[in-house]
Each structure stands twice: as C-alpha cells, then as structure tokens.
C-alpha atoms as a PDB file:
ATOM      1  CA  MET A   1      80.580 -38.868 -13.848  1.00  0.00           C
ATOM      2  CA  SER A   2      82.145 -41.141 -10.993  1.00  0.00           C
ATOM      3  CA  PRO A   3      80.609 -43.586  -9.454  1.00  0.00           C
ATOM      4  CA  ARG A   4      80.397 -41.854  -5.669  1.00  0.00           C
ATOM      5  CA  ARG A   5      79.151 -38.562  -7.187  1.00  0.00           C
ATOM      6  CA  ALA A   6      76.831 -40.407  -9.259  1.00  0.00           C
ATOM      7  CA  PHE A   7      75.057 -41.893  -6.293  1.00  0.00           C
ATOM      8  CA  LEU A   8      75.579 -38.449  -4.420  1.00  0.00           C
ATOM      9  CA  THR A   9      73.619 -36.091  -7.226  1.00  0.00           C
ATOM     10  CA  SER A  10      70.726 -39.276  -7.399  1.00  0.00           C
ATOM     11  CA  LEU A  11      70.994 -38.857  -3.150  1.00  0.00           C
ATOM     12  CA  LEU A  12      70.137 -36.043  -2.737  1.00  0.00           C
ATOM     13  CA  LEU A  13      68.293 -35.730  -5.823  1.00  0.00           C
ATOM     14  CA  PRO A  14      66.890 -38.062  -7.566  1.00  0.00           C
ATOM     15  CA  GLY A  15      66.885 -38.865 -10.368  1.00  0.00           C
ATOM     16  CA  TYR A  16      69.324 -36.224 -11.696  1.00  0.00           C
ATOM     17  CA  ALA A  17      72.550 -38.687 -12.393  1.00  0.00           C
ATOM     18  CA  GLN A  18      70.200 -41.168 -14.755  1.00  0.00           C
ATOM     19  CA  THR A  19      69.298 -37.652 -17.400  1.00  0.00           C
ATOM     20  CA  VAL A  20      73.232 -37.502 -16.955  1.00  0.00           C
ATOM     21  CA  PHE A  21      73.532 -41.074 -18.520  1.00  0.00           C
ATOM     22  CA  GLY A  22      71.122 -41.367 -20.748  1.00  0.00           C
ATOM     23  CA  ARG A  23      68.774 -42.740 -18.333  1.00  0.00           C
ATOM     24  CA  ASP A  24      65.505 -40.527 -19.015  1.00  0.00           C
ATOM     25  CA  ARG A  25      62.396 -43.397 -17.973  1.00  0.00           C
ATOM     26  CA  ALA A  26      64.583 -43.704 -14.820  1.00  0.00           C
ATOM     27  CA  ALA A  27      65.303 -40.271 -13.832  1.00  0.00           C
ATOM     28  CA  MET A  28      61.406 -39.529 -14.732  1.00  0.00           C
ATOM     29  CA  LEU A  29      59.825 -42.707 -12.465  1.00  0.00           C
ATOM     30  CA  PHE A  30      62.073 -41.714  -9.614  1.00  0.00           C
ATOM     31  CA  THR A  31      61.622 -37.274  -9.988  1.00  0.00           C
ATOM     32  CA  ILE A  32      57.309 -38.504 -10.397  1.00  0.00           C
ATOM     33  CA  VAL A  33      58.191 -40.878  -7.410  1.00  0.00           C
ATOM     34  CA  GLU A  34      59.577 -38.080  -5.639  1.00  0.00           C
ATOM     35  CA  VAL A  35      56.670 -34.928  -6.715  1.00  0.00           C
ATOM     36  CA  GLY A  36      53.357 -37.145  -5.542  1.00  0.00           C
ATOM     37  CA  SER A  37      55.466 -38.651  -2.170  1.00  0.00           C
ATOM     38  CA  ILE A  38      56.213 -35.053  -1.135  1.00  0.00           C
ATOM     39  CA  GLY A  39      52.381 -33.652  -1.894  1.00  0.00           C
ATOM     40  CA  MET A  40      51.244 -37.276   0.249  1.00  0.00           C
ATOM     41  CA  ALA A  41      53.306 -35.897   2.766  1.00  0.00           C
ATOM     42  CA  ARG A  42      52.501 -33.017   3.065  1.00  0.00           C
ATOM     43  CA  LYS A  43      48.359 -34.065   3.001  1.00  0.00           C
ATOM     44  CA  SER A  44      49.052 -36.127   5.502  1.00  0.00           C
ATOM     45  CA  ALA A  45      51.110 -33.239   7.701  1.00  0.00           C
ATOM     46  CA  LEU A  46      47.953 -31.459   7.400  1.00  0.00           C
ATOM     47  CA  ASP A  47      45.008 -33.851   8.056  1.00  0.00           C
ATOM     48  CA  LEU A  48      46.868 -34.977  11.912  1.00  0.00           C
ATOM     49  CA  ALA A  49      47.495 -31.365  11.876  1.00  0.00           C
ATOM     50  CA  GLU A  50      43.480 -31.288  11.609  1.00  0.00           C
ATOM     51  CA  ALA A  51      43.166 -34.075  13.642  1.00  0.00           C
ATOM     52  CA  ARG A  52      45.178 -32.764  16.464  1.00  0.00           C
ATOM     53  CA  ALA A  53      43.503 -29.505  16.378  1.00  0.00           C
ATOM     54  CA  LEU A  54      39.868 -31.232  16.934  1.00  0.00           C
ATOM     55  CA  ALA A  55      40.951 -34.110  19.314  1.00  0.00           C
ATOM     56  CA  HIS A  56      39.141 -32.505  22.022  1.00  0.00           C
ATOM     57  CA  ASP A  57      36.564 -30.829  20.327  1.00  0.00           C
ATOM     58  CA  SER A  58      32.298 -31.359  20.424  1.00  0.00           C
ATOM     59  CA  VAL A  59      29.320 -30.669  17.900  1.00  0.00           C
ATOM     60  CA  VAL A  60      26.361 -29.504  19.190  1.00  0.00           C
ATOM     61  CA  ALA A  61      23.374 -32.171  19.299  1.00  0.00           C
ATOM     62  CA  THR A  62      20.274 -30.748  20.791  1.00  0.00           C
ATOM     63  CA  TYR A  63      19.928 -27.659  22.871  1.00  0.00           C
ATOM     64  CA  LYS A  64      17.334 -27.614  25.949  1.00  0.00           C
ATOM     65  CA  ILE A  65      13.863 -26.818  25.360  1.00  0.00           C
ATOM     66  CA  ASP A  66      10.853 -25.575  27.329  1.00  0.00           C
ATOM     67  CA  PRO A  67       8.730 -28.560  27.237  1.00  0.00           C
ATOM     68  CA  THR A  68       5.334 -25.483  27.656  1.00  0.00           C
ATOM     69  CA  THR A  69       6.231 -23.565  24.242  1.00  0.00           C
ATOM     70  CA  GLY A  70       8.498 -26.435  22.587  1.00  0.00           C
ATOM     71  CA  ILE A  71      11.045 -23.451  21.999  1.00  0.00           C
ATOM     72  CA  ALA A  72      15.191 -23.853  22.529  1.00  0.00           C
ATOM     73  CA  VAL A  73      16.174 -21.782  25.976  1.00  0.00           C
ATOM     74  CA  LYS A  74      17.538 -19.199  25.868  1.00  0.00           C
ATOM     75  CA  ASP A  75      21.265 -17.713  28.206  1.00  0.00           C
ATOM     76  CA  PRO A  76      19.476 -14.765  29.504  1.00  0.00           C
ATOM     77  CA  LYS A  77      23.608 -13.362  29.073  1.00  0.00           C
ATOM     78  CA  THR A  78      24.352 -14.007  25.723  1.00  0.00           C
ATOM     79  CA  GLY A  79      20.756 -14.922  24.569  1.00  0.00           C
ATOM     80  CA  LEU A  80      21.850 -17.793  22.591  1.00  0.00           C
ATOM     81  CA  PRO A  81      20.425 -21.723  22.717  1.00  0.00           C
ATOM     82  CA  VAL A  82      21.288 -23.473  25.823  1.00  0.00           C
ATOM     83  CA  PRO A  83      22.582 -26.850  24.794  1.00  0.00           C
ATOM     84  CA  ASP A  84      21.025 -30.410  25.659  1.00  0.00           C
ATOM     85  CA  THR A  85      23.408 -32.540  24.824  1.00  0.00           C
ATOM     86  CA  TRP A  86      26.800 -33.210  22.241  1.00  0.00           C
ATOM     87  CA  ILE A  87      28.603 -34.790  20.090  1.00  0.00           C
ATOM     88  CA  ALA A  88      32.189 -36.068  20.699  1.00  0.00           C
ATOM     89  CA  SER A  89      34.573 -35.697  18.134  1.00  0.00           C
ATOM     90  CA  ARG A  90      35.585 -38.613  15.108  1.00  0.00           C
ATOM     91  CA  TYR A  91      39.308 -38.076  15.712  1.00  0.00           C
ATOM     92  CA  THR A  92      39.932 -40.115  18.722  1.00  0.00           C
ATOM     93  CA  ALA A  93      43.788 -42.090  19.905  1.00  0.00           C
ATOM     94  CA  ASP A  94      43.341 -44.425  16.942  1.00  0.00           C
ATOM     95  CA  ARG A  95      41.958 -41.925  14.313  1.00  0.00           C
ATOM     96  CA  ILE A  96      45.092 -39.468  15.248  1.00  0.00           C
ATOM     97  CA  LYS A  97      47.844 -42.333  15.888  1.00  0.00           C
ATOM     98  CA  ALA A  98      46.717 -43.883  11.905  1.00  0.00           C
ATOM     99  CA  ARG A  99      47.299 -40.524  10.351  1.00  0.00           C
ATOM    100  CA  ARG A 100      50.610 -40.277  11.748  1.00  0.00           C
ATOM    101  CA  THR A 101      51.401 -43.525  10.540  1.00  0.00           C
ATOM    102  CA  HIS A 102      50.257 -42.380   7.678  1.00  0.00           C
ATOM    103  CA  TYR A 103      52.431 -39.311   7.408  1.00  0.00           C
ATOM    104  CA  GLU A 104      55.347 -41.232   8.449  1.00  0.00           C
ATOM    105  CA  ASP A 105      55.223 -44.040   5.969  1.00  0.00           C
ATOM    106  CA  TRP A 106      55.035 -41.151   3.214  1.00  0.00           C
ATOM    107  CA  ILE A 107      58.180 -40.078   4.681  1.00  0.00           C
ATOM    108  CA  ALA A 108      59.245 -43.337   4.088  1.00  0.00           C
ATOM    109  CA  ALA A 109      58.247 -43.450   0.681  1.00  0.00           C
ATOM    110  CA  LEU A 110      60.592 -40.191   0.697  1.00  0.00           C
ATOM    111  CA  ILE A 111      63.836 -41.165   2.186  1.00  0.00           C
ATOM    112  CA  PHE A 112      63.694 -44.925  -0.207  1.00  0.00           C
ATOM    113  CA  ASN A 113      63.468 -42.852  -2.835  1.00  0.00           C
ATOM    114  CA  HIS A 114      66.223 -40.914  -2.664  1.00  0.00           C
ATOM    115  CA  LEU A 115      68.363 -44.118  -1.007  1.00  0.00           C
ATOM    116  CA  PHE A 116      67.181 -46.287  -3.955  1.00  0.00           C
ATOM    117  CA  SER A 117      67.827 -43.515  -6.472  1.00  0.00           C
ATOM    118  CA  GLY A 118      71.483 -42.900  -5.882  1.00  0.00           C
ATOM    119  CA  ALA A 119      72.203 -47.320  -5.471  1.00  0.00           C
ATOM    120  CA  ASP A 120      71.010 -46.006  -8.763  1.00  0.00           C
ATOM    121  CA  ALA A 121      73.010 -43.786  -9.757  1.00  0.00           C
ATOM    122  CA  TYR A 122      75.791 -45.643  -8.428  1.00  0.00           C
ATOM    123  CA  VAL A 123      75.673 -48.608 -10.507  1.00  0.00           C
ATOM    124  CA  ALA A 124      74.510 -46.651 -14.409  1.00  0.00           C
ATOM    125  CA  ALA A 125      77.872 -45.379 -13.200  1.00  0.00           C
ATOM    126  CA  ASN A 126      79.570 -48.435 -13.375  1.00  0.00           C
ATOM    127  CA  LEU A 127      77.913 -49.612 -16.106  1.00  0.00           C
ATOM    128  CA  TRP A 128      78.104 -46.625 -18.495  1.00  0.00           C
ATOM    129  CA  ASP A 129      80.937 -48.176 -21.155  1.00  0.00           C
ATOM    130  CA  PHE A 130      79.117 -52.205 -21.107  1.00  0.00           C
ATOM    131  CA  LYS A 131      77.514 -52.752 -24.337  1.00  0.00           C
ATOM    132  CA  THR A 132      75.082 -55.168 -24.243  1.00  0.00           C
ATOM    133  CA  ASN A 133      71.346 -56.106 -25.695  1.00  0.00           C
ATOM    134  CA  ILE A 134      69.334 -58.208 -23.630  1.00  0.00           C
ATOM    135  CA  GLY A 135      66.059 -59.009 -24.640  1.00  0.00           C
ATOM    136  CA  ALA A 136      63.092 -62.014 -24.674  1.00  0.00           C
ATOM    137  CA  VAL A 137      60.907 -63.818 -27.359  1.00  0.00           C
ATOM    138  CA  SER A 138      57.868 -64.915 -26.455  1.00  0.00           C
ATOM    139  CA  SER A 139      56.131 -67.304 -29.134  1.00  0.00           C
ATOM    140  CA  ALA A 140      52.760 -69.725 -28.367  1.00  0.00           C
ATOM    141  CA  ARG A 141      53.793 -71.876 -25.835  1.00  0.00           C
ATOM    142  CA  SER A 142      57.864 -70.948 -25.602  1.00  0.00           C
ATOM    143  CA  VAL A 143      60.038 -67.826 -23.842  1.00  0.00           C
ATOM    144  CA  THR A 144      64.009 -66.516 -26.258  1.00  0.00           C
ATOM    145  CA  VAL A 145      66.157 -65.062 -24.092  1.00  0.00           C
ATOM    146  CA  TYR A 146      68.730 -63.815 -25.841  1.00  0.00           C
ATOM    147  CA  ALA A 147      72.024 -61.364 -24.995  1.00  0.00           C
ATOM    148  CA  SER A 148      74.496 -60.201 -26.493  1.00  0.00           C
ATOM    149  CA  VAL A 149      77.745 -58.714 -25.631  1.00  0.00           C
ATOM    150  CA  ARG A 150      80.593 -56.087 -27.294  1.00  0.00           C
ATOM    151  CA  LEU A 151      83.233 -57.213 -26.077  1.00  0.00           C
ATOM    152  CA  TRP A 152      85.928 -54.408 -27.837  1.00  0.00           C
END
C-alpha cells in the first residue's frame, strides 16, 4: 500500500491501514477512540438538545391554598389546582453553552483521531520495510537503551 493510499484510507476509516501493515494494537487503539468518541458525541448531542428544549420550562412549586379550608384552590374551568409559585428551569444559558462546548469537544476528538490515524498510517507505509528492534532494559541503578538495525 502506498503512503498516500494508507493516509487516505486511515483518514476515512481510522485503523484500517494499520491492520494492513500488521499493527493490530494501533488499529485497535484508533478504533476504540473512534467508537468511544462517536458514542460520547451522540450523548452530548442528546444532552444539548434536552437542555435547549427545556430551557424555557418551569415546574410548579406550590399551589394556591384556601386559607379557611386549607385545601388547594381549583380552577372552575379545568378543575385543576391553581399554581402559586414556580421553579425556573435548571438549564440556564451558561449550562446550554457548556453542553454545546462538550459536544464540540467530542467532534474535535473525532477529527483529531482521523487525522492522527492517517498520519500514523502514512509513516507506517514509509517504514514498513525498515527492520529495526528498539528496546530498554532497566536495573536498580540505570536504564539501558538498545537498538539494532538490519541494513540488508
């Protein structure tokens, strides 16, 4: 697979080119981030829609009470108790703005995942035939880093 094709396929479907190059852990990472970000973006979109829908709503806190009987006063037309006080919606403009920001953050995470997956696939396509082994060994007092490169 050419580097350009690897970039474009992983840009559209994060993790795909990584599986072609045998980088299954990287592919799994990009796929998990993608699925998680889509799920959280969907949840954030639903939360934002709920906040917008209920922004101008209120809840009855108390009803008018007849002082002589102590019973709630009823509306003669509907037969329902007459509200006296209300509690305003908890979805203020600041809370709606915060929920919109959460949604935008998850969309940004999706875009970043696509771009980073594409860039990783591009590099992997360029280095697929570069045989190297890099590692580190640690002891109680030091860390040793080693690298071996096969030229032929």
